């Protein structure tokens, strides 16, 4: 069993600018954080950057804790989107995802797309980990999938790539530009971490729709909203400037912090 890594709570006790976590976790409750020109947002964002670098320094490449099967005592709780209703997703689901293709593009030398069967036939990893939600609950489950690093090695990232963005099928409302599709991102350290997988299995069964079928990303050292479901495409980028509202994720665009390490 792996040794537990240093948690965010421990970092706060060490004085690692815990105030940034308290404010940003409030999301839309703090209207000032939605104003990109706000001086308060700038201060909080800089404090969050420091928290990110402190955690990266202290944690390094450590693994998230893994558990024995005896600790799996309930099904993985579905939350957020549990049954996307976009036409493209409904068509894929009706065909049992036989037509699914995961595109990997952006700052890569060899863009590729993968069927679900191709992903299942690639090297795999199974891990029993705890999902920690920003809402306060947690759940231990067994996940099986393709290490994201295997896919990134195949497409060959360009030197200018700094982040990996996950585009999803599920929409959480709409705006003037149309449906607001969920998206998330991580840096290359998390993307290449051995526990970061493109999960297609849950508790020795095929990943159900309610938990993100056909593919869900598991980034085990981050909170639940950083582990997107219903993955449509993966994109390597150097900046978030032209994606969503430019903050690296659906909830980050609405006030959550981008780095949600635990």
Protein backbone atom coordinates (compact mmCIF):
# COMPACT_ATOMS: atom_id res chain seq x y z
CA UNK A 1 0.00 0.00 0.00
CA UNK A 2 1.35 3.44 -0.87
CA UNK A 3 2.22 5.97 1.77
CA UNK A 4 -0.29 8.85 1.89
CA UNK A 5 0.93 12.01 0.22
CA UNK A 6 0.86 15.41 1.88
CA UNK A 7 -2.68 16.78 1.70
CA UNK A 8 -3.97 20.27 1.14
CA UNK A 9 -5.11 20.45 4.74
CA UNK A 10 -1.58 19.73 5.89
CA UNK A 11 -0.27 22.42 3.60
CA UNK A 12 -2.67 24.93 5.10
CA UNK A 13 -1.41 24.02 8.56
CA UNK A 14 2.07 24.79 7.24
CA UNK A 15 0.87 28.23 6.23
CA UNK A 16 0.84 27.60 2.50
CA UNK A 17 -1.61 30.38 1.75
CA UNK A 18 -4.75 28.50 2.65
CA UNK A 19 -6.80 31.65 2.25
CA UNK A 20 -6.79 31.22 -1.51
CA UNK A 21 -8.48 27.84 -1.15
CA UNK A 22 -11.16 29.23 1.16
CA UNK A 23 -12.11 32.11 -1.13
CA UNK A 24 -11.99 30.33 -4.44
CA UNK A 25 -13.94 27.31 -3.22
CA UNK A 26 -16.93 29.64 -2.89
CA UNK A 27 -17.35 29.68 -6.66
CA UNK A 28 -20.22 31.97 -7.71
CA UNK A 29 -20.82 33.20 -4.18
CA UNK A 30 -18.02 35.71 -4.78
CA UNK A 31 -19.08 37.88 -7.71
CA UNK A 32 -15.80 39.76 -7.65
CA UNK A 33 -13.98 36.60 -8.74
CA UNK A 34 -15.94 36.59 -11.99
CA UNK A 35 -14.46 39.96 -12.90
CA UNK A 36 -11.16 39.35 -14.66
CA UNK A 37 -10.07 42.93 -13.99
CA UNK A 38 -10.67 42.64 -10.24
CA UNK A 39 -7.56 43.41 -8.18
CA UNK A 40 -8.82 40.99 -5.52
CA UNK A 41 -9.03 38.20 -8.10
CA UNK A 42 -5.47 38.97 -9.18
CA UNK A 43 -4.22 38.67 -5.60
CA UNK A 44 -6.11 35.42 -5.00
CA UNK A 45 -4.93 33.99 -8.33
CA UNK A 46 -1.32 34.72 -7.45
CA UNK A 47 -1.80 33.10 -4.04
CA UNK A 48 -3.26 30.04 -5.73
CA UNK A 49 -0.20 29.89 -8.00
CA UNK A 50 2.01 29.78 -4.91
CA UNK A 51 -0.10 26.96 -3.44
CA UNK A 52 0.30 25.07 -6.73
CA UNK A 53 4.09 25.38 -6.75
CA UNK A 54 4.40 24.54 -3.05
CA UNK A 55 2.35 21.36 -3.49
CA UNK A 56 4.24 20.39 -6.62
CA UNK A 57 7.52 20.80 -4.72
CA UNK A 58 6.40 18.81 -1.68
CA UNK A 59 4.45 16.06 -3.48
CA UNK A 60 6.64 15.48 -6.53
CA UNK A 61 5.71 12.23 -8.29
CA UNK A 62 4.13 10.59 -5.22
CA UNK A 63 1.13 8.33 -5.80
CA UNK A 64 -2.31 8.91 -4.38
CA UNK A 65 -3.18 6.33 -1.76
CA UNK A 66 -4.53 3.04 -3.09
CA UNK A 67 -6.84 0.78 -1.07
CA UNK A 68 -7.62 -2.93 -0.74
CA UNK A 69 -10.84 -4.24 -2.30
CA UNK A 70 -12.34 -4.63 1.17
CA UNK A 71 -12.60 -0.83 1.32
CA UNK A 72 -15.06 -0.75 -1.62
CA UNK A 73 -18.30 -0.63 0.38
CA UNK A 74 -20.72 1.11 -1.96
CA UNK A 75 -21.12 1.94 -5.66
CA UNK A 76 -19.32 4.98 -6.99
CA UNK A 77 -21.71 7.89 -6.44
CA UNK A 78 -22.82 9.56 -9.70
CA UNK A 79 -22.92 13.34 -9.57
CA UNK A 80 -23.06 16.30 -11.92
CA UNK A 81 -24.18 15.16 -15.36
CA UNK A 82 -25.41 11.57 -15.25
CA UNK A 83 -27.11 11.15 -18.65
CA UNK A 84 -26.10 13.67 -21.36
CA UNK A 85 -28.86 14.54 -23.80
CA UNK A 86 -26.86 16.02 -26.65
CA UNK A 87 -27.81 14.38 -29.98
CA UNK A 88 -24.28 13.16 -30.71
CA UNK A 89 -23.97 11.46 -27.34
CA UNK A 90 -27.44 9.90 -27.53
CA UNK A 91 -26.58 8.40 -30.92
CA UNK A 92 -23.35 6.92 -29.57
CA UNK A 93 -25.12 5.49 -26.53
CA UNK A 94 -27.84 3.94 -28.69
CA UNK A 95 -25.13 2.04 -30.59
CA UNK A 96 -23.44 0.96 -27.34
CA UNK A 97 -20.55 3.31 -28.22
CA UNK A 98 -19.46 1.13 -31.15
CA UNK A 99 -18.98 4.28 -33.24
CA UNK A 100 -17.11 6.18 -30.55
CA UNK A 101 -13.83 7.84 -31.52
CA UNK A 102 -11.58 9.73 -29.12
CA UNK A 103 -9.64 12.36 -31.03
CA UNK A 104 -6.27 13.55 -29.73
CA UNK A 105 -5.01 16.71 -31.39
CA UNK A 106 -3.57 20.17 -30.82
CA UNK A 107 0.16 20.58 -30.21
CA UNK A 108 1.05 17.03 -31.20
CA UNK A 109 3.20 15.63 -33.99
CA UNK A 110 0.78 12.84 -34.95
CA UNK A 111 -2.91 13.51 -34.30
CA UNK A 112 -4.86 10.31 -33.78
CA UNK A 113 -8.31 9.03 -32.98
CA UNK A 114 -9.10 5.88 -31.03
CA UNK A 115 -12.10 3.60 -30.91
CA UNK A 116 -13.21 2.24 -27.56
CA UNK A 117 -11.91 -1.22 -28.48
CA UNK A 118 -8.53 0.23 -29.42
CA UNK A 119 -8.25 1.94 -26.06
CA UNK A 120 -9.22 -1.27 -24.26
CA UNK A 121 -6.50 -3.17 -26.14
CA UNK A 122 -3.76 -0.74 -25.11
CA UNK A 123 -1.71 -1.18 -21.92
CA UNK A 124 -3.99 -0.77 -18.92
CA UNK A 125 -3.86 0.06 -15.25
CA UNK A 126 -6.27 -0.82 -12.43
CA UNK A 127 -6.29 1.18 -9.20
CA UNK A 128 -8.51 1.42 -6.12
CA UNK A 129 -8.61 5.04 -5.03
CA UNK A 130 -10.76 7.51 -3.16
CA UNK A 131 -12.78 10.10 -5.05
CA UNK A 132 -12.99 13.35 -3.05
CA UNK A 133 -15.72 15.75 -4.11
CA UNK A 134 -15.61 19.50 -3.52
CA UNK A 135 -19.11 19.06 -2.04
CA UNK A 136 -17.57 17.19 0.90
CA UNK A 137 -18.27 13.50 0.22
CA UNK A 138 -15.86 10.75 -0.78
CA UNK A 139 -16.11 7.26 -2.26
CA UNK A 140 -13.62 4.44 -2.83
CA UNK A 141 -13.82 2.56 -6.14
CA UNK A 142 -11.77 0.43 -8.54
CA UNK A 143 -10.95 2.05 -11.86
CA UNK A 144 -9.47 0.45 -14.97
CA UNK A 145 -8.24 2.28 -18.02
CA UNK A 146 -5.47 3.28 -20.38
CA UNK A 147 -2.72 5.44 -18.86
CA UNK A 148 -2.95 8.85 -20.49
CA UNK A 149 0.84 8.86 -20.84
CA UNK A 150 0.61 5.93 -23.28
CA UNK A 151 -1.64 7.95 -25.59
CA UNK A 152 0.53 11.06 -25.28
CA UNK A 153 3.61 9.04 -26.19
CA UNK A 154 1.85 7.83 -29.34
CA UNK A 155 0.84 11.28 -30.54
CA UNK A 156 4.18 12.87 -29.49
CA UNK A 157 3.65 16.20 -27.78
CA UNK A 158 5.34 19.22 -29.26
CA UNK A 159 7.75 21.18 -27.01
CA UNK A 160 5.27 24.09 -26.84
CA UNK A 161 2.55 21.94 -25.22
CA UNK A 162 2.00 22.87 -21.57
CA UNK A 163 -1.50 21.60 -20.77
CA UNK A 164 -3.89 18.81 -21.73
CA UNK A 165 -7.53 19.82 -22.23
CA UNK A 166 -10.41 17.34 -22.04
CA UNK A 167 -13.51 18.22 -24.08
CA UNK A 168 -16.75 16.48 -23.04
CA UNK A 169 -20.14 15.55 -24.47
CA UNK A 170 -22.17 16.78 -21.51
CA UNK A 171 -23.64 20.26 -21.48
CA UNK A 172 -24.37 22.16 -18.27
CA UNK A 173 -26.76 24.81 -19.50
CA UNK A 174 -26.38 27.16 -22.44
CA UNK A 175 -25.56 30.74 -23.32
CA UNK A 176 -25.59 33.10 -26.28
CA UNK A 177 -23.01 30.92 -28.05
CA UNK A 178 -25.03 27.73 -27.53
CA UNK A 179 -24.60 24.78 -25.15
CA UNK A 180 -21.97 25.17 -22.42
CA UNK A 181 -20.08 21.91 -22.78
CA UNK A 182 -18.03 20.68 -19.86
CA UNK A 183 -14.28 20.79 -20.21
CA UNK A 184 -11.30 20.40 -17.91
CA UNK A 185 -7.52 20.45 -18.06
CA UNK A 186 -4.33 19.48 -16.30
CA UNK A 187 -0.64 20.19 -16.61
CA UNK A 188 1.83 17.71 -18.05
CA UNK A 189 2.94 16.55 -14.60
CA UNK A 190 -0.56 15.25 -13.87
CA UNK A 191 -1.11 14.12 -17.46
CA UNK A 192 1.92 11.83 -17.30
CA UNK A 193 1.37 10.70 -13.72
CA UNK A 194 1.05 6.87 -13.62
CA UNK A 195 -2.37 7.06 -11.92
CA UNK A 196 -3.87 9.37 -14.55
CA UNK A 197 -5.94 7.06 -16.74
CA UNK A 198 -8.65 7.13 -19.39
CA UNK A 199 -11.03 4.92 -17.43
CA UNK A 200 -13.43 2.58 -19.20
CA UNK A 201 -14.04 0.20 -16.27
CA UNK A 202 -15.50 0.68 -12.80
CA UNK A 203 -15.51 -1.99 -10.08
CA UNK A 204 -14.78 -4.76 -12.60
CA UNK A 205 -17.68 -3.74 -14.82
CA UNK A 206 -17.98 -1.61 -17.95
CA UNK A 207 -18.08 2.06 -16.97
CA UNK A 208 -21.78 2.99 -16.71
CA UNK A 209 -23.32 6.05 -18.32
CA UNK A 210 -24.08 7.60 -14.94
CA UNK A 211 -20.35 7.58 -14.14
CA UNK A 212 -19.11 8.90 -17.46
CA UNK A 213 -19.21 6.24 -20.21
CA UNK A 214 -17.56 5.56 -22.49
CA UNK A 215 -14.42 7.28 -21.11
CA UNK A 216 -13.80 9.20 -17.92
CA UNK A 217 -10.50 10.75 -16.89
CA UNK A 218 -9.10 9.84 -13.47
CA UNK A 219 -6.57 12.32 -12.09
CA UNK A 220 -6.26 10.79 -8.65
CA UNK A 221 -4.36 13.60 -6.94
CA UNK A 222 -7.09 16.15 -7.63
CA UNK A 223 -10.66 16.82 -6.50
CA UNK A 224 -13.59 15.31 -8.38
CA UNK A 225 -14.43 18.22 -10.67
CA UNK A 226 -10.95 17.82 -12.20
CA UNK A 227 -11.88 14.29 -13.36
CA UNK A 228 -14.21 14.89 -16.30
CA UNK A 229 -16.68 12.39 -17.72
CA UNK A 230 -18.02 11.66 -21.23
CA UNK A 231 -14.73 12.52 -22.93
CA UNK A 232 -15.12 13.56 -26.57
CA UNK A 233 -11.64 14.84 -27.42
CA UNK A 234 -8.24 15.56 -25.93
CA UNK A 235 -6.26 18.62 -26.98
CA UNK A 236 -2.68 19.62 -26.16
CA UNK A 237 -2.34 23.40 -25.79
CA UNK A 238 0.10 26.05 -24.64
CA UNK A 239 -2.58 28.34 -23.17
CA UNK A 240 -6.28 28.33 -22.24
CA UNK A 241 -6.86 31.76 -23.73
CA UNK A 242 -9.14 30.63 -26.56
CA UNK A 243 -10.99 27.88 -24.66
CA UNK A 244 -14.14 28.69 -22.71
CA UNK A 245 -13.53 31.78 -20.61
CA UNK A 246 -9.83 31.13 -20.56
CA UNK A 247 -9.39 29.69 -17.06
CA UNK A 248 -8.85 26.03 -17.82
CA UNK A 249 -12.19 24.41 -16.97
CA UNK A 250 -15.96 24.76 -16.82
CA UNK A 251 -16.05 25.38 -13.07
CA UNK A 252 -12.83 27.37 -13.10
CA UNK A 253 -14.54 29.74 -15.54
CA UNK A 254 -17.12 30.24 -12.78
CA UNK A 255 -14.76 30.80 -9.85
CA UNK A 256 -13.25 27.46 -8.83
CA UNK A 257 -9.49 27.22 -8.57
CA UNK A 258 -7.68 25.54 -11.46
CA UNK A 259 -5.33 23.48 -9.31
CA UNK A 260 -7.38 21.33 -6.93
CA UNK A 261 -4.73 19.03 -5.53
CA UNK A 262 -5.48 16.95 -2.43
